N, C-alpha and C. Protein backbone atom coordinates (compact mmCIF):
# COMPACT_ATOMS: atom_id res chain seq x y z
N UNK A 1 -5.04 -10.10 2.55
CA UNK A 1 -6.27 -10.12 1.79
C UNK A 1 -6.92 -8.74 1.92
N UNK A 2 -7.36 -8.18 0.81
CA UNK A 2 -8.05 -6.89 0.81
C UNK A 2 -9.53 -7.12 0.96
N UNK A 3 -10.14 -6.32 1.81
CA UNK A 3 -11.58 -6.44 2.03
C UNK A 3 -12.19 -5.05 1.93
N UNK A 4 -13.29 -4.94 1.20
CA UNK A 4 -14.04 -3.70 1.08
C UNK A 4 -15.44 -3.97 1.60
N UNK A 5 -15.89 -3.12 2.52
CA UNK A 5 -17.22 -3.27 3.10
C UNK A 5 -18.01 -2.00 2.80
N UNK A 6 -19.19 -2.17 2.27
CA UNK A 6 -20.11 -1.06 2.02
C UNK A 6 -21.36 -1.26 2.86
N UNK A 7 -21.57 -0.39 3.82
CA UNK A 7 -22.76 -0.46 4.65
C UNK A 7 -23.88 0.34 3.98
N UNK A 8 -25.09 -0.13 4.11
CA UNK A 8 -26.28 0.59 3.63
C UNK A 8 -26.18 0.94 2.13
N UNK A 9 -25.73 0.00 1.32
CA UNK A 9 -25.63 0.21 -0.13
C UNK A 9 -27.02 0.11 -0.74
N UNK A 10 -27.45 1.11 -1.54
CA UNK A 10 -28.81 1.08 -2.12
C UNK A 10 -29.00 -0.11 -3.06
N UNK A 11 -30.06 -0.86 -2.83
CA UNK A 11 -30.37 -2.01 -3.67
C UNK A 11 -30.57 -1.58 -5.12
N UNK A 12 -31.11 -0.39 -5.32
CA UNK A 12 -31.37 0.08 -6.69
C UNK A 12 -30.09 0.26 -7.50
N UNK A 13 -28.93 0.34 -6.84
CA UNK A 13 -27.65 0.48 -7.54
C UNK A 13 -27.01 -0.87 -7.89
N UNK A 14 -27.59 -1.95 -7.41
CA UNK A 14 -27.05 -3.28 -7.70
C UNK A 14 -27.40 -3.70 -9.13
N UNK A 15 -26.64 -4.63 -9.71
CA UNK A 15 -27.02 -5.19 -11.00
C UNK A 15 -28.38 -5.86 -10.90
N UNK A 16 -29.07 -5.95 -12.01
CA UNK A 16 -30.45 -6.44 -12.02
C UNK A 16 -30.60 -7.83 -11.39
N UNK A 17 -29.67 -8.75 -11.68
CA UNK A 17 -29.80 -10.09 -11.13
C UNK A 17 -29.73 -10.09 -9.60
N UNK A 18 -28.91 -9.22 -9.04
CA UNK A 18 -28.84 -9.13 -7.58
C UNK A 18 -30.04 -8.38 -7.00
N UNK A 19 -30.51 -7.37 -7.74
CA UNK A 19 -31.68 -6.62 -7.27
C UNK A 19 -32.87 -7.55 -7.02
N UNK A 20 -33.04 -8.54 -7.89
CA UNK A 20 -34.14 -9.49 -7.74
C UNK A 20 -34.00 -10.29 -6.45
N UNK A 21 -32.78 -10.60 -6.07
CA UNK A 21 -32.53 -11.37 -4.85
C UNK A 21 -32.93 -10.60 -3.60
N UNK A 22 -32.86 -9.26 -3.67
CA UNK A 22 -33.10 -8.43 -2.50
C UNK A 22 -34.38 -7.61 -2.63
N UNK A 23 -35.35 -8.13 -3.34
CA UNK A 23 -36.64 -7.44 -3.48
C UNK A 23 -37.21 -7.20 -2.09
N UNK A 24 -37.68 -5.99 -1.86
CA UNK A 24 -38.24 -5.65 -0.55
C UNK A 24 -37.25 -4.98 0.38
N UNK A 25 -35.97 -4.98 0.03
CA UNK A 25 -34.95 -4.32 0.83
C UNK A 25 -34.63 -2.96 0.21
N UNK A 26 -34.34 -1.98 1.04
CA UNK A 26 -33.89 -0.67 0.54
C UNK A 26 -32.37 -0.63 0.40
N UNK A 27 -31.68 -1.18 1.42
CA UNK A 27 -30.22 -1.18 1.40
C UNK A 27 -29.70 -2.56 1.80
N UNK A 28 -28.44 -2.81 1.45
CA UNK A 28 -27.77 -4.06 1.82
C UNK A 28 -26.35 -3.76 2.28
N UNK A 29 -25.72 -4.75 2.89
CA UNK A 29 -24.31 -4.64 3.27
C UNK A 29 -23.53 -5.51 2.29
N UNK A 30 -22.53 -4.92 1.66
CA UNK A 30 -21.74 -5.64 0.68
C UNK A 30 -20.32 -5.80 1.20
N UNK A 31 -19.80 -7.02 1.13
CA UNK A 31 -18.42 -7.30 1.52
C UNK A 31 -17.74 -7.96 0.35
N UNK A 32 -16.63 -7.38 -0.10
CA UNK A 32 -15.86 -7.99 -1.19
C UNK A 32 -14.44 -8.25 -0.69
N UNK A 33 -13.87 -9.34 -1.12
CA UNK A 33 -12.52 -9.71 -0.72
C UNK A 33 -11.72 -10.15 -1.93
N UNK A 34 -10.47 -9.70 -1.98
CA UNK A 34 -9.55 -10.15 -3.02
C UNK A 34 -8.95 -11.48 -2.59
N UNK A 35 -8.77 -12.38 -3.55
CA UNK A 35 -8.17 -13.67 -3.22
C UNK A 35 -6.66 -13.53 -3.00
N UNK A 36 -6.06 -12.61 -3.70
CA UNK A 36 -4.62 -12.45 -3.54
C UNK A 36 -4.34 -11.12 -2.84
N UNK A 37 -3.37 -11.14 -2.01
CA UNK A 37 -3.01 -9.95 -1.26
C UNK A 37 -2.08 -9.09 -2.11
N UNK A 38 -2.40 -7.80 -2.19
CA UNK A 38 -1.54 -6.89 -2.93
C UNK A 38 -0.37 -6.49 -2.06
N UNK A 39 0.79 -6.39 -2.66
CA UNK A 39 1.97 -5.97 -1.91
C UNK A 39 2.70 -4.91 -2.71
N UNK A 40 3.55 -4.20 -2.04
CA UNK A 40 4.41 -3.23 -2.69
C UNK A 40 3.65 -2.15 -3.44
N UNK A 41 4.09 -1.87 -4.65
CA UNK A 41 3.53 -0.80 -5.45
C UNK A 41 2.06 -1.04 -5.78
N UNK A 42 1.65 -2.27 -6.03
CA UNK A 42 0.25 -2.56 -6.34
C UNK A 42 -0.65 -2.19 -5.17
N UNK A 43 -0.20 -2.44 -3.94
CA UNK A 43 -1.00 -2.09 -2.76
C UNK A 43 -1.10 -0.58 -2.62
N UNK A 44 -0.01 0.11 -2.85
CA UNK A 44 -0.02 1.58 -2.76
C UNK A 44 -0.94 2.16 -3.82
N UNK A 45 -0.89 1.65 -5.04
CA UNK A 45 -1.76 2.14 -6.11
C UNK A 45 -3.23 1.88 -5.80
N UNK A 46 -3.54 0.73 -5.23
CA UNK A 46 -4.92 0.41 -4.87
C UNK A 46 -5.42 1.35 -3.78
N UNK A 47 -4.58 1.64 -2.78
CA UNK A 47 -4.97 2.57 -1.72
C UNK A 47 -5.17 3.97 -2.28
N UNK A 48 -4.29 4.38 -3.16
CA UNK A 48 -4.41 5.71 -3.78
C UNK A 48 -5.71 5.82 -4.58
N UNK A 49 -6.05 4.77 -5.29
CA UNK A 49 -7.28 4.76 -6.08
C UNK A 49 -8.50 4.90 -5.17
N UNK A 50 -8.52 4.14 -4.07
CA UNK A 50 -9.64 4.24 -3.12
C UNK A 50 -9.70 5.62 -2.49
N UNK A 51 -8.55 6.17 -2.16
CA UNK A 51 -8.48 7.51 -1.58
C UNK A 51 -9.06 8.55 -2.55
N UNK A 52 -8.66 8.48 -3.82
CA UNK A 52 -9.16 9.42 -4.83
C UNK A 52 -10.67 9.27 -5.02
N UNK A 53 -11.16 8.04 -5.07
CA UNK A 53 -12.60 7.80 -5.22
C UNK A 53 -13.36 8.39 -4.04
N UNK A 54 -12.83 8.21 -2.84
CA UNK A 54 -13.48 8.75 -1.66
C UNK A 54 -13.59 10.27 -1.75
N UNK A 55 -12.50 10.94 -2.09
CA UNK A 55 -12.53 12.40 -2.12
C UNK A 55 -13.35 12.93 -3.28
N UNK A 56 -13.43 12.20 -4.37
CA UNK A 56 -14.33 12.62 -5.46
C UNK A 56 -15.78 12.58 -5.00
N UNK A 57 -16.14 11.53 -4.26
CA UNK A 57 -17.50 11.44 -3.73
C UNK A 57 -17.77 12.57 -2.74
N UNK A 58 -16.80 12.84 -1.87
CA UNK A 58 -16.98 13.90 -0.88
C UNK A 58 -17.10 15.27 -1.57
N UNK A 59 -16.31 15.49 -2.62
CA UNK A 59 -16.38 16.77 -3.33
C UNK A 59 -17.73 16.93 -4.03
N UNK A 60 -18.28 15.84 -4.52
CA UNK A 60 -19.58 15.91 -5.18
C UNK A 60 -20.68 16.24 -4.18
N UNK A 61 -20.51 15.81 -2.93
CA UNK A 61 -21.50 16.09 -1.88
C UNK A 61 -21.36 17.47 -1.28
N UNK A 62 -20.20 18.08 -1.38
CA UNK A 62 -19.90 19.32 -0.69
C UNK A 62 -20.95 20.42 -0.88
N UNK A 63 -21.44 20.66 -2.09
CA UNK A 63 -22.43 21.74 -2.23
C UNK A 63 -23.69 21.51 -1.39
N UNK A 64 -24.01 20.26 -1.10
CA UNK A 64 -25.21 19.96 -0.32
C UNK A 64 -24.94 20.04 1.17
N UNK A 65 -23.68 19.95 1.57
CA UNK A 65 -23.33 19.95 2.98
C UNK A 65 -23.08 21.36 3.52
N UNK A 66 -22.83 22.33 2.65
CA UNK A 66 -22.50 23.67 3.10
C UNK A 66 -23.66 24.26 3.90
N UNK A 67 -23.37 24.64 5.11
CA UNK A 67 -24.37 25.26 5.95
C UNK A 67 -25.45 24.33 6.44
N UNK A 68 -25.29 23.06 6.22
CA UNK A 68 -26.34 22.12 6.58
C UNK A 68 -26.29 21.73 8.05
N UNK A 69 -25.23 22.09 8.72
CA UNK A 69 -25.08 21.70 10.12
C UNK A 69 -25.87 22.62 11.03
N UNK A 70 -26.43 22.07 12.04
CA UNK A 70 -27.27 22.80 12.98
C UNK A 70 -26.54 24.04 13.50
N UNK A 71 -27.25 25.15 13.48
CA UNK A 71 -26.70 26.39 14.01
C UNK A 71 -25.98 27.24 12.99
N UNK A 72 -25.70 26.74 11.83
CA UNK A 72 -24.99 27.53 10.83
C UNK A 72 -25.93 28.26 9.89
N UNK A 73 -27.20 27.92 9.90
CA UNK A 73 -28.18 28.55 9.02
C UNK A 73 -29.35 29.01 9.89
N UNK A 74 -29.73 30.26 9.72
CA UNK A 74 -30.88 30.75 10.48
C UNK A 74 -32.16 30.23 9.85
N UNK A 75 -33.24 30.28 10.60
CA UNK A 75 -34.54 29.86 10.08
C UNK A 75 -34.90 30.68 8.85
N UNK A 76 -34.62 31.96 8.91
CA UNK A 76 -34.96 32.84 7.77
C UNK A 76 -34.18 32.45 6.51
N UNK A 77 -32.89 32.11 6.67
CA UNK A 77 -32.09 31.68 5.52
C UNK A 77 -32.62 30.36 4.95
N UNK A 78 -32.96 29.44 5.83
CA UNK A 78 -33.48 28.15 5.38
C UNK A 78 -34.79 28.33 4.62
N UNK A 79 -35.68 29.15 5.16
CA UNK A 79 -36.96 29.40 4.49
C UNK A 79 -36.73 30.07 3.14
N UNK A 80 -35.80 31.02 3.07
CA UNK A 80 -35.51 31.70 1.81
C UNK A 80 -34.99 30.70 0.77
N UNK A 81 -34.11 29.78 1.19
CA UNK A 81 -33.58 28.78 0.26
C UNK A 81 -34.69 27.87 -0.26
N UNK A 82 -35.55 27.44 0.65
CA UNK A 82 -36.65 26.55 0.24
C UNK A 82 -37.59 27.27 -0.71
N UNK A 83 -37.90 28.51 -0.42
CA UNK A 83 -38.79 29.27 -1.30
C UNK A 83 -38.15 29.47 -2.68
N UNK A 84 -36.85 29.73 -2.71
CA UNK A 84 -36.16 29.91 -3.99
C UNK A 84 -36.21 28.63 -4.82
N UNK A 85 -36.00 27.49 -4.16
CA UNK A 85 -36.08 26.21 -4.87
C UNK A 85 -37.50 25.95 -5.36
N UNK A 86 -38.47 26.23 -4.52
CA UNK A 86 -39.87 26.04 -4.91
C UNK A 86 -40.21 26.93 -6.11
N UNK A 87 -39.73 28.17 -6.08
CA UNK A 87 -40.02 29.10 -7.17
C UNK A 87 -39.39 28.65 -8.49
N UNK A 88 -38.23 27.99 -8.42
CA UNK A 88 -37.61 27.45 -9.63
C UNK A 88 -38.54 26.43 -10.28
N UNK A 89 -39.16 25.59 -9.47
CA UNK A 89 -40.08 24.58 -10.00
C UNK A 89 -41.35 25.22 -10.55
N UNK A 90 -41.81 26.31 -9.93
CA UNK A 90 -43.02 26.99 -10.39
C UNK A 90 -42.81 27.64 -11.74
N UNK A 91 -41.57 28.04 -12.05
CA UNK A 91 -41.29 28.71 -13.33
C UNK A 91 -41.40 27.77 -14.51
N UNK A 92 -41.27 26.48 -14.28
CA UNK A 92 -41.26 25.51 -15.39
C UNK A 92 -42.63 25.18 -15.86
């Protein structure tokens, strides 16, 4: 049996009927299970699909993660980045 677990899934991303059920919650834990177990090529294809989805999400996050780890950005660099972002908003 295949099981997918999503921890801390944003309630705002749920379909409307489920969102109503979780009013007042920010995140939920979602567990989905397949009734039939995939075998052979179908199992490999399902794993490959999950693998690709994972790396697409990670690639989309990469620009935000660069230099975000403690010690990789000086205070001056961080302040300069924040000021540049603030200035972009001031131009509009």
